[in-house]
Amino acid sequence: MDFMHAIILGIVEGITEFLPISSTGHMIIASSMMGIEDSTFTKAFEVIIQFGAILSVLVLYWRRFLPNWSFYKKLFVAFLPTAIIGFLAKDVVEHLLGSVQVVAWSLILGGLVLVWSDKYFAHLTSMGRTTNDLNYKDSVKLGLFQAIAMIPGVSRSGATIMGGLTLGMNKKEAAEFSFFLAVPTMAAATLYKLLKIYKTIEPQQINLLLVGMVVSFVVAMIAIKFFIGVVSRYGFRGFGYYRIVLGIIILALIYTGHDLQMN
C-alpha cells in the first residue's frame, strides 16, 4: 500500500461510510481493484481510518453531543448488541471480509430492501418519531439491526436506518441516529484494531493511517450534508437502485472469469 492507495481509500471511506451503500463493501472492492495485498495492516487500515469519519459527525453535530445523559444512555444501549455479537462472531466476520461475492449479493438484497422501504415508509418522509421519543427497548432493537451490518455489503447505516423506520422514526431522524450510533461503534472497532497491530506497526504505516483519516474526515463532512439533503427530498430509493446495479456488475465480472478477490 502506498500514499495514493491511502488517499483513494480515504475518499471511498468518506463517501460511503454514512450512505446506505456499504462502506466495507466498497473498501473491499476498491482494495481488490487496486491490487492491494490482503494483510493484517491493510485490513486494520480499512477500519482505523473510519476514525476520521467519526470526527466529522462530532464536528457537524457537536451540539447533540453536549452533556445529555439520556442521549448517551440510548447510544450505549444501542451499541451493546453489536459489541457483543461482534466479539462472539469476530472470526466469521474476518473470514467474510475477504469475499467480494458476499459483498455483491448483500448489495443487491440490501438495495431491494431500500427500494421497498422507500415506498412502504413513504409517510415517514416528514413526520414520525424522533431520537428523543426512543426508549431503551427501541435502542436495543436499533442495535440488533446495526449488528446485521457485520455481513460485508449490508451497510451499517442502511441497517440502522431500516431499524429506525420500523420504529416509526422519520427518514431524516433515522439517518441522523445512524450517524450518532456510528460514533461508539466505530470508535470501539478502531481501538480494537489499534490494539491488535500497535506492536508491529511501522512509521511509514502510521503516515498512511494519518493520510487516510484526514481524507475520510474531509470527504465525510461533505457526504453527510449531501445525504441528508437527498433523503429529505427524495428518500432512499436512489441508493437502493445504485446498490442493485453495482451488485449485478460485480457478479457479472466474477461469473465471466474476472478475479476480483482480495490478493
C-alpha atoms as a PDB file:
ATOM      1  CA  MET A   1       0.000   0.000   0.000  1.00  0.00           C
ATOM      2  CA  ASP A   2       1.266   3.487  -0.869  1.00  0.00           C
ATOM      3  CA  PHE A   3       0.031   7.046  -0.263  1.00  0.00           C
ATOM      4  CA  MET A   4      -2.109   7.102  -3.405  1.00  0.00           C
ATOM      5  CA  HIS A   5      -3.883   3.967  -2.190  1.00  0.00           C
ATOM      6  CA  ALA A   6      -4.399   5.617   1.205  1.00  0.00           C
ATOM      7  CA  ILE A   7      -5.910   8.732  -0.402  1.00  0.00           C
ATOM      8  CA  ILE A   8      -8.257   6.748  -2.646  1.00  0.00           C
ATOM      9  CA  LEU A   9      -9.410   4.508   0.208  1.00  0.00           C
ATOM     10  CA  GLY A  10      -9.890   7.599   2.388  1.00  0.00           C
ATOM     11  CA  ILE A  11     -12.143   9.096  -0.293  1.00  0.00           C
ATOM     12  CA  VAL A  12     -14.096   5.849  -0.616  1.00  0.00           C
ATOM     13  CA  GLU A  13     -14.498   5.613   3.157  1.00  0.00           C
ATOM     14  CA  GLY A  14     -15.586   9.246   3.493  1.00  0.00           C
ATOM     15  CA  ILE A  15     -18.200   8.974   0.737  1.00  0.00           C
ATOM     16  CA  THR A  16     -19.664   5.613   1.691  1.00  0.00           C
ATOM     17  CA  GLU A  17     -19.500   5.393   5.494  1.00  0.00           C
ATOM     18  CA  PHE A  18     -22.745   7.252   6.174  1.00  0.00           C
ATOM     19  CA  LEU A  19     -24.568   6.445   2.944  1.00  0.00           C
ATOM     20  CA  PRO A  20     -26.614   3.210   2.944  1.00  0.00           C
ATOM     21  CA  ILE A  21     -24.423   1.634   0.258  1.00  0.00           C
ATOM     22  CA  SER A  22     -21.896  -0.264   2.458  1.00  0.00           C
ATOM     23  CA  SER A  23     -18.525   1.336   3.149  1.00  0.00           C
ATOM     24  CA  THR A  24     -16.960  -2.044   3.935  1.00  0.00           C
ATOM     25  CA  GLY A  25     -18.191  -3.440   0.630  1.00  0.00           C
ATOM     26  CA  HIS A  26     -16.785  -0.524  -1.341  1.00  0.00           C
ATOM     27  CA  MET A  27     -13.463  -0.680   0.544  1.00  0.00           C
ATOM     28  CA  ILE A  28     -13.109  -4.388  -0.245  1.00  0.00           C
ATOM     29  CA  ILE A  29     -13.936  -3.768  -3.902  1.00  0.00           C
ATOM     30  CA  ALA A  30     -11.580  -0.757  -4.155  1.00  0.00           C
ATOM     31  CA  SER A  31      -8.726  -2.656  -2.486  1.00  0.00           C
ATOM     32  CA  SER A  32      -9.287  -5.622  -4.776  1.00  0.00           C
ATOM     33  CA  MET A  33      -9.329  -3.494  -7.951  1.00  0.00           C
ATOM     34  CA  MET A  34      -6.119  -1.680  -6.930  1.00  0.00           C
ATOM     35  CA  GLY A  35      -4.419  -4.993  -6.152  1.00  0.00           C
ATOM     36  CA  ILE A  36      -3.687  -4.087  -2.532  1.00  0.00           C
ATOM     37  CA  GLU A  37      -2.252  -7.046  -0.646  1.00  0.00           C
ATOM     38  CA  ASP A  38      -4.573  -8.664   1.873  1.00  0.00           C
ATOM     39  CA  SER A  39      -2.510  -8.313   5.056  1.00  0.00           C
ATOM     40  CA  THR A  40      -3.076  -7.650   8.739  1.00  0.00           C
ATOM     41  CA  PHE A  41      -2.227  -3.979   8.234  1.00  0.00           C
ATOM     42  CA  THR A  42      -4.457  -3.409   5.192  1.00  0.00           C
ATOM     43  CA  LYS A  43      -7.420  -4.980   6.989  1.00  0.00           C
ATOM     44  CA  ALA A  44      -6.728  -2.799  10.015  1.00  0.00           C
ATOM     45  CA  PHE A  45      -6.258   0.282   7.805  1.00  0.00           C
ATOM     46  CA  GLU A  46      -9.785  -0.059   6.369  1.00  0.00           C
ATOM     47  CA  VAL A  47     -11.204   0.005   9.899  1.00  0.00           C
ATOM     48  CA  ILE A  48      -8.920   2.552  11.579  1.00  0.00           C
ATOM     49  CA  ILE A  49      -9.407   5.334   9.005  1.00  0.00           C
ATOM     50  CA  GLN A  50     -13.082   5.303   9.991  1.00  0.00           C
ATOM     51  CA  PHE A  51     -11.932   7.457  12.920  1.00  0.00           C
ATOM     52  CA  GLY A  52     -11.769  10.385  10.521  1.00  0.00           C
ATOM     53  CA  ALA A  53     -15.408   9.835   9.613  1.00  0.00           C
ATOM     54  CA  ILE A  54     -16.289   9.692  13.328  1.00  0.00           C
ATOM     55  CA  LEU A  55     -14.776  13.137  13.827  1.00  0.00           C
ATOM     56  CA  SER A  56     -16.915  14.541  11.018  1.00  0.00           C
ATOM     57  CA  VAL A  57     -20.071  13.526  12.919  1.00  0.00           C
ATOM     58  CA  LEU A  58     -18.783  15.131  16.120  1.00  0.00           C
ATOM     59  CA  VAL A  59     -17.956  18.364  14.277  1.00  0.00           C
ATOM     60  CA  LEU A  60     -21.265  18.611  12.388  1.00  0.00           C
ATOM     61  CA  TYR A  61     -23.481  17.564  15.313  1.00  0.00           C
ATOM     62  CA  TRP A  62     -21.442  18.805  18.266  1.00  0.00           C
ATOM     63  CA  ARG A  63     -24.499  20.351  19.933  1.00  0.00           C
ATOM     64  CA  ARG A  64     -26.171  16.931  20.120  1.00  0.00           C
ATOM     65  CA  PHE A  65     -23.116  15.581  21.944  1.00  0.00           C
ATOM     66  CA  LEU A  66     -23.116  18.214  24.664  1.00  0.00           C
ATOM     67  CA  PRO A  67     -23.755  16.646  28.112  1.00  0.00           C
ATOM     68  CA  ASN A  68     -27.061  14.829  27.634  1.00  0.00           C
ATOM     69  CA  TRP A  69     -27.088  11.664  29.709  1.00  0.00           C
ATOM     70  CA  SER A  70     -30.346  10.343  28.302  1.00  0.00           C
ATOM     71  CA  PHE A  71     -28.906  10.600  24.778  1.00  0.00           C
ATOM     72  CA  TYR A  72     -25.665   8.891  25.829  1.00  0.00           C
ATOM     73  CA  LYS A  73     -27.523   6.057  27.551  1.00  0.00           C
ATOM     74  CA  LYS A  74     -29.586   5.370  24.442  1.00  0.00           C
ATOM     75  CA  LEU A  75     -26.442   5.272  22.311  1.00  0.00           C
ATOM     76  CA  PHE A  76     -24.718   2.930  24.754  1.00  0.00           C
ATOM     77  CA  VAL A  77     -27.685   0.548  24.897  1.00  0.00           C
ATOM     78  CA  ALA A  78     -27.925   0.557  21.088  1.00  0.00           C
ATOM     79  CA  PHE A  79     -24.181  -0.102  20.834  1.00  0.00           C
ATOM     80  CA  LEU A  80     -24.192  -3.174  23.119  1.00  0.00           C
ATOM     81  CA  PRO A  81     -25.764  -5.727  20.710  1.00  0.00           C
ATOM     82  CA  THR A  82     -23.165  -5.005  18.030  1.00  0.00           C
ATOM     83  CA  ALA A  83     -20.328  -5.133  20.560  1.00  0.00           C
ATOM     84  CA  ILE A  84     -21.446  -8.479  21.995  1.00  0.00           C
ATOM     85  CA  ILE A  85     -22.347 -10.169  18.699  1.00  0.00           C
ATOM     86  CA  GLY A  86     -19.246  -8.745  17.026  1.00  0.00           C
ATOM     87  CA  PHE A  87     -16.982 -10.167  19.735  1.00  0.00           C
ATOM     88  CA  LEU A  88     -18.590 -13.598  19.565  1.00  0.00           C
ATOM     89  CA  ALA A  89     -18.608 -13.747  15.757  1.00  0.00           C
ATOM     90  CA  LYS A  90     -15.325 -11.942  15.032  1.00  0.00           C
ATOM     91  CA  ASP A  91     -13.699 -14.941  13.322  1.00  0.00           C
ATOM     92  CA  VAL A  92     -16.662 -15.425  10.984  1.00  0.00           C
ATOM     93  CA  VAL A  93     -16.717 -11.714  10.174  1.00  0.00           C
ATOM     94  CA  GLU A  94     -12.966 -11.690   9.427  1.00  0.00           C
ATOM     95  CA  HIS A  95     -13.479 -14.571   7.006  1.00  0.00           C
ATOM     96  CA  LEU A  96     -16.385 -12.884   5.207  1.00  0.00           C
ATOM     97  CA  LEU A  97     -14.447  -9.623   4.795  1.00  0.00           C
ATOM     98  CA  GLY A  98     -12.358 -11.195   2.040  1.00  0.00           C
ATOM     99  CA  SER A  99     -15.319 -12.224  -0.128  1.00  0.00           C
ATOM    100  CA  VAL A 100     -16.314  -9.884  -2.947  1.00  0.00           C
ATOM    101  CA  GLN A 101     -19.121 -12.295  -3.881  1.00  0.00           C
ATOM    102  CA  VAL A 102     -20.717 -11.937  -0.435  1.00  0.00           C
ATOM    103  CA  VAL A 103     -20.494  -8.167  -0.868  1.00  0.00           C
ATOM    104  CA  ALA A 104     -22.209  -8.314  -4.261  1.00  0.00           C
ATOM    105  CA  TRP A 105     -25.195 -10.346  -3.049  1.00  0.00           C
ATOM    106  CA  SER A 106     -25.526  -8.183   0.065  1.00  0.00           C
ATOM    107  CA  LEU A 107     -25.537  -5.053  -2.101  1.00  0.00           C
ATOM    108  CA  ILE A 108     -28.349  -6.431  -4.267  1.00  0.00           C
ATOM    109  CA  LEU A 109     -30.516  -7.692  -1.405  1.00  0.00           C
ATOM    110  CA  GLY A 110     -29.963  -4.510   0.596  1.00  0.00           C
ATOM    111  CA  GLY A 111     -30.822  -2.431  -2.461  1.00  0.00           C
ATOM    112  CA  LEU A 112     -34.126  -4.260  -2.907  1.00  0.00           C
ATOM    113  CA  VAL A 113     -34.944  -3.626   0.757  1.00  0.00           C
ATOM    114  CA  LEU A 114     -34.156   0.091   0.403  1.00  0.00           C
ATOM    115  CA  VAL A 115     -36.366   0.469  -2.677  1.00  0.00           C
ATOM    116  CA  TRP A 116     -39.210  -1.375  -0.944  1.00  0.00           C
ATOM    117  CA  SER A 117     -38.819   0.603   2.292  1.00  0.00           C
ATOM    118  CA  ASP A 118     -38.923   3.921   0.473  1.00  0.00           C
ATOM    119  CA  LYS A 119     -42.449   3.120  -0.719  1.00  0.00           C
ATOM    120  CA  TYR A 120     -43.634   1.312   2.410  1.00  0.00           C
ATOM    121  CA  PHE A 121     -42.433   4.088   4.734  1.00  0.00           C
ATOM    122  CA  ALA A 122     -43.331   6.975   2.417  1.00  0.00           C
ATOM    123  CA  HIS A 123     -45.425   8.535   5.188  1.00  0.00           C
ATOM    124  CA  LEU A 124     -42.290   8.970   7.317  1.00  0.00           C
ATOM    125  CA  THR A 125     -40.652  11.476   4.977  1.00  0.00           C
ATOM    126  CA  SER A 126     -41.511  14.489   7.128  1.00  0.00           C
ATOM    127  CA  MET A 127     -43.395  13.040  10.098  1.00  0.00           C
ATOM    128  CA  GLY A 128     -42.625  10.368  12.645  1.00  0.00           C
ATOM    129  CA  ARG A 129     -40.764   9.767  15.894  1.00  0.00           C
ATOM    130  CA  THR A 130     -37.503  11.488  16.798  1.00  0.00           C
ATOM    131  CA  THR A 131     -34.472  10.354  18.765  1.00  0.00           C
ATOM    132  CA  ASN A 132     -35.964  11.936  21.889  1.00  0.00           C
ATOM    133  CA  ASP A 133     -39.008   9.656  21.568  1.00  0.00           C
ATOM    134  CA  LEU A 134     -36.958   6.451  21.721  1.00  0.00           C
ATOM    135  CA  ASN A 135     -36.868   4.316  24.851  1.00  0.00           C
ATOM    136  CA  TYR A 136     -34.254   1.757  25.878  1.00  0.00           C
ATOM    137  CA  LYS A 137     -36.172  -1.136  24.302  1.00  0.00           C
ATOM    138  CA  ASP A 138     -36.144   0.775  20.992  1.00  0.00           C
ATOM    139  CA  SER A 139     -32.396   1.327  21.396  1.00  0.00           C
ATOM    140  CA  VAL A 140     -31.785  -2.408  21.760  1.00  0.00           C
ATOM    141  CA  LYS A 141     -33.785  -3.069  18.576  1.00  0.00           C
ATOM    142  CA  LEU A 142     -31.730  -0.481  16.673  1.00  0.00           C
ATOM    143  CA  GLY A 143     -28.559  -2.117  17.960  1.00  0.00           C
ATOM    144  CA  LEU A 144     -29.707  -5.510  16.694  1.00  0.00           C
ATOM    145  CA  PHE A 145     -30.422  -4.027  13.273  1.00  0.00           C
ATOM    146  CA  GLN A 146     -26.944  -2.491  13.199  1.00  0.00           C
ATOM    147  CA  ALA A 147     -25.404  -5.874  14.063  1.00  0.00           C
ATOM    148  CA  ILE A 148     -26.736  -7.274  10.758  1.00  0.00           C
ATOM    149  CA  ALA A 149     -24.235  -4.989   9.028  1.00  0.00           C
ATOM    150  CA  MET A 150     -21.345  -7.166  10.196  1.00  0.00           C
ATOM    151  CA  ILE A 151     -22.098  -9.051   6.967  1.00  0.00           C
ATOM    152  CA  PRO A 152     -19.957  -7.225   4.345  1.00  0.00           C
ATOM    153  CA  GLY A 153     -22.068  -5.287   1.882  1.00  0.00           C
ATOM    154  CA  VAL A 154     -25.109  -4.874   4.133  1.00  0.00           C
ATOM    155  CA  SER A 155     -24.281  -1.288   5.242  1.00  0.00           C
ATOM    156  CA  ARG A 156     -24.184  -0.277   8.886  1.00  0.00           C
ATOM    157  CA  SER A 157     -26.014   2.986   8.254  1.00  0.00           C
ATOM    158  CA  GLY A 158     -28.564   1.276   5.994  1.00  0.00           C
ATOM    159  CA  ALA A 159     -29.354  -1.403   8.568  1.00  0.00           C
ATOM    160  CA  THR A 160     -29.697   1.162  11.369  1.00  0.00           C
ATOM    161  CA  ILE A 161     -31.890   3.417   9.226  1.00  0.00           C
ATOM    162  CA  MET A 162     -34.124   0.469   8.415  1.00  0.00           C
ATOM    163  CA  GLY A 163     -34.421  -0.249  12.118  1.00  0.00           C
ATOM    164  CA  GLY A 164     -35.360   3.364  12.771  1.00  0.00           C
ATOM    165  CA  LEU A 165     -38.066   3.300  10.119  1.00  0.00           C
ATOM    166  CA  THR A 166     -39.617   0.132  11.573  1.00  0.00           C
ATOM    167  CA  LEU A 167     -39.812   2.003  14.894  1.00  0.00           C
ATOM    168  CA  GLY A 168     -41.678   4.865  13.228  1.00  0.00           C
ATOM    169  CA  MET A 169     -38.815   7.392  13.050  1.00  0.00           C
ATOM    170  CA  ASN A 170     -38.938   9.853  10.170  1.00  0.00           C
ATOM    171  CA  LYS A 171     -36.309   9.349   7.492  1.00  0.00           C
ATOM    172  CA  LYS A 172     -34.103  12.289   8.474  1.00  0.00           C
ATOM    173  CA  GLU A 173     -34.095  11.324  12.160  1.00  0.00           C
ATOM    174  CA  ALA A 174     -33.400   7.660  11.340  1.00  0.00           C
ATOM    175  CA  ALA A 175     -30.449   8.702   9.165  1.00  0.00           C
ATOM    176  CA  GLU A 176     -29.052  11.036  11.808  1.00  0.00           C
ATOM    177  CA  PHE A 177     -29.368   8.425  14.554  1.00  0.00           C
ATOM    178  CA  SER A 178     -27.332   6.067  12.349  1.00  0.00           C
ATOM    179  CA  PHE A 179     -24.605   8.755  12.350  1.00  0.00           C
ATOM    180  CA  PHE A 180     -24.717   9.066  16.149  1.00  0.00           C
ATOM    181  CA  LEU A 181     -24.636   5.312  16.711  1.00  0.00           C
ATOM    182  CA  ALA A 182     -21.615   5.080  14.408  1.00  0.00           C
ATOM    183  CA  VAL A 183     -19.512   7.055  16.912  1.00  0.00           C
ATOM    184  CA  PRO A 184     -19.232   4.435  19.714  1.00  0.00           C
ATOM    185  CA  THR A 185     -19.393   1.539  17.244  1.00  0.00           C
ATOM    186  CA  MET A 186     -16.599   2.766  15.004  1.00  0.00           C
ATOM    187  CA  ALA A 187     -14.545   4.099  17.917  1.00  0.00           C
ATOM    188  CA  ALA A 188     -14.603   0.635  19.515  1.00  0.00           C
ATOM    189  CA  ALA A 189     -13.667  -1.045  16.219  1.00  0.00           C
ATOM    190  CA  THR A 190     -10.810   1.423  15.694  1.00  0.00           C
ATOM    191  CA  LEU A 191      -9.457   0.905  19.214  1.00  0.00           C
ATOM    192  CA  TYR A 192      -9.670  -2.885  18.845  1.00  0.00           C
ATOM    193  CA  LYS A 193      -7.699  -2.832  15.586  1.00  0.00           C
ATOM    194  CA  LEU A 194      -5.095  -0.448  17.004  1.00  0.00           C
ATOM    195  CA  LEU A 195      -4.534  -2.725  19.994  1.00  0.00           C
ATOM    196  CA  LYS A 196      -4.031  -5.655  17.621  1.00  0.00           C
ATOM    197  CA  ILE A 197      -1.383  -4.001  15.427  1.00  0.00           C
ATOM    198  CA  TYR A 198       0.318  -1.301  17.523  1.00  0.00           C
ATOM    199  CA  LYS A 199       3.300  -3.534  18.370  1.00  0.00           C
ATOM    200  CA  THR A 200       4.043  -4.302  14.726  1.00  0.00           C
ATOM    201  CA  ILE A 201       3.134  -1.023  13.029  1.00  0.00           C
ATOM    202  CA  GLU A 202       5.915   0.809  11.172  1.00  0.00           C
ATOM    203  CA  PRO A 203       6.482   4.619  10.886  1.00  0.00           C
ATOM    204  CA  GLN A 204       5.508   4.582   7.190  1.00  0.00           C
ATOM    205  CA  GLN A 205       2.268   2.808   8.054  1.00  0.00           C
ATOM    206  CA  ILE A 206       1.441   5.441  10.687  1.00  0.00           C
ATOM    207  CA  ASN A 207       1.710   8.096   7.963  1.00  0.00           C
ATOM    208  CA  LEU A 208      -0.601   6.076   5.714  1.00  0.00           C
ATOM    209  CA  LEU A 209      -3.172   5.870   8.520  1.00  0.00           C
ATOM    210  CA  LEU A 210      -2.995   9.613   9.163  1.00  0.00           C
ATOM    211  CA  VAL A 211      -3.481  10.403   5.465  1.00  0.00           C
ATOM    212  CA  GLY A 212      -6.444   8.035   5.242  1.00  0.00           C
ATOM    213  CA  MET A 213      -8.092   9.517   8.339  1.00  0.00           C
ATOM    214  CA  VAL A 214      -7.668  13.146   7.237  1.00  0.00           C
ATOM    215  CA  VAL A 215      -9.068  12.431   3.773  1.00  0.00           C
ATOM    216  CA  SER A 216     -12.016  10.429   5.148  1.00  0.00           C
ATOM    217  CA  PHE A 217     -12.789  13.258   7.615  1.00  0.00           C
ATOM    218  CA  VAL A 218     -12.987  15.948   4.931  1.00  0.00           C
ATOM    219  CA  VAL A 219     -14.939  13.827   2.449  1.00  0.00           C
ATOM    220  CA  ALA A 220     -17.350  12.516   5.114  1.00  0.00           C
ATOM    221  CA  MET A 221     -18.263  16.101   6.090  1.00  0.00           C
ATOM    222  CA  ILE A 222     -19.417  16.716   2.535  1.00  0.00           C
ATOM    223  CA  ALA A 223     -21.102  13.324   2.159  1.00  0.00           C
ATOM    224  CA  ILE A 224     -23.208  13.718   5.320  1.00  0.00           C
ATOM    225  CA  LYS A 225     -24.627  17.068   4.193  1.00  0.00           C
ATOM    226  CA  PHE A 226     -25.336  15.647   0.729  1.00  0.00           C
ATOM    227  CA  PHE A 227     -27.030  12.561   2.157  1.00  0.00           C
ATOM    228  CA  ILE A 228     -29.361  14.452   4.486  1.00  0.00           C
ATOM    229  CA  GLY A 229     -30.371  16.760   1.658  1.00  0.00           C
ATOM    230  CA  VAL A 230     -31.154  13.852  -0.687  1.00  0.00           C
ATOM    231  CA  VAL A 231     -33.031  11.840   1.954  1.00  0.00           C
ATOM    232  CA  SER A 232     -35.163  14.822   2.939  1.00  0.00           C
ATOM    233  CA  ARG A 233     -36.217  15.397  -0.693  1.00  0.00           C
ATOM    234  CA  TYR A 234     -36.092  12.030  -2.427  1.00  0.00           C
ATOM    235  CA  GLY A 235     -35.785   9.275   0.182  1.00  0.00           C
ATOM    236  CA  PHE A 236     -33.590   6.173  -0.173  1.00  0.00           C
ATOM    237  CA  ARG A 237     -34.655   4.609  -3.475  1.00  0.00           C
ATOM    238  CA  GLY A 238     -31.766   6.135  -5.466  1.00  0.00           C
ATOM    239  CA  PHE A 239     -29.271   4.469  -3.155  1.00  0.00           C
ATOM    240  CA  GLY A 240     -31.211   1.223  -3.484  1.00  0.00           C
ATOM    241  CA  TYR A 241     -31.017   1.275  -7.292  1.00  0.00           C
ATOM    242  CA  TYR A 242     -27.301   2.073  -7.104  1.00  0.00           C
ATOM    243  CA  ARG A 243     -26.682  -0.931  -4.849  1.00  0.00           C
ATOM    244  CA  ILE A 244     -28.591  -3.266  -7.152  1.00  0.00           C
ATOM    245  CA  VAL A 245     -26.739  -2.119 -10.295  1.00  0.00           C
ATOM    246  CA  LEU A 246     -23.331  -2.286  -8.592  1.00  0.00           C
ATOM    247  CA  GLY A 247     -24.022  -5.746  -7.179  1.00  0.00           C
ATOM    248  CA  ILE A 248     -25.099  -7.074 -10.599  1.00  0.00           C
ATOM    249  CA  ILE A 249     -21.983  -5.630 -12.270  1.00  0.00           C
ATOM    250  CA  ILE A 250     -19.725  -7.276  -9.679  1.00  0.00           C
ATOM    251  CA  LEU A 251     -21.441 -10.655 -10.061  1.00  0.00           C
ATOM    252  CA  ALA A 252     -21.216 -10.384 -13.849  1.00  0.00           C
ATOM    253  CA  LEU A 253     -17.471  -9.734 -13.612  1.00  0.00           C
ATOM    254  CA  ILE A 254     -16.971 -12.644 -11.243  1.00  0.00           C
ATOM    255  CA  TYR A 255     -19.021 -15.094 -13.302  1.00  0.00           C
ATOM    256  CA  THR A 256     -17.241 -14.086 -16.534  1.00  0.00           C
ATOM    257  CA  GLY A 257     -13.879 -15.027 -15.069  1.00  0.00           C
ATOM    258  CA  HIS A 258     -12.566 -11.737 -13.709  1.00  0.00           C
ATOM    259  CA  ASP A 259     -10.629 -12.137 -10.469  1.00  0.00           C
ATOM    260  CA  LEU A 260     -11.948  -9.566  -8.008  1.00  0.00           C
ATOM    261  CA  GLN A 261     -10.957 -11.432  -4.873  1.00  0.00           C
ATOM    262  CA  MET A 262      -8.525  -9.954  -2.384  1.00  0.00           C
ATOM    263  CA  ASN A 263      -4.900 -10.931  -3.109  1.00  0.00           C
END
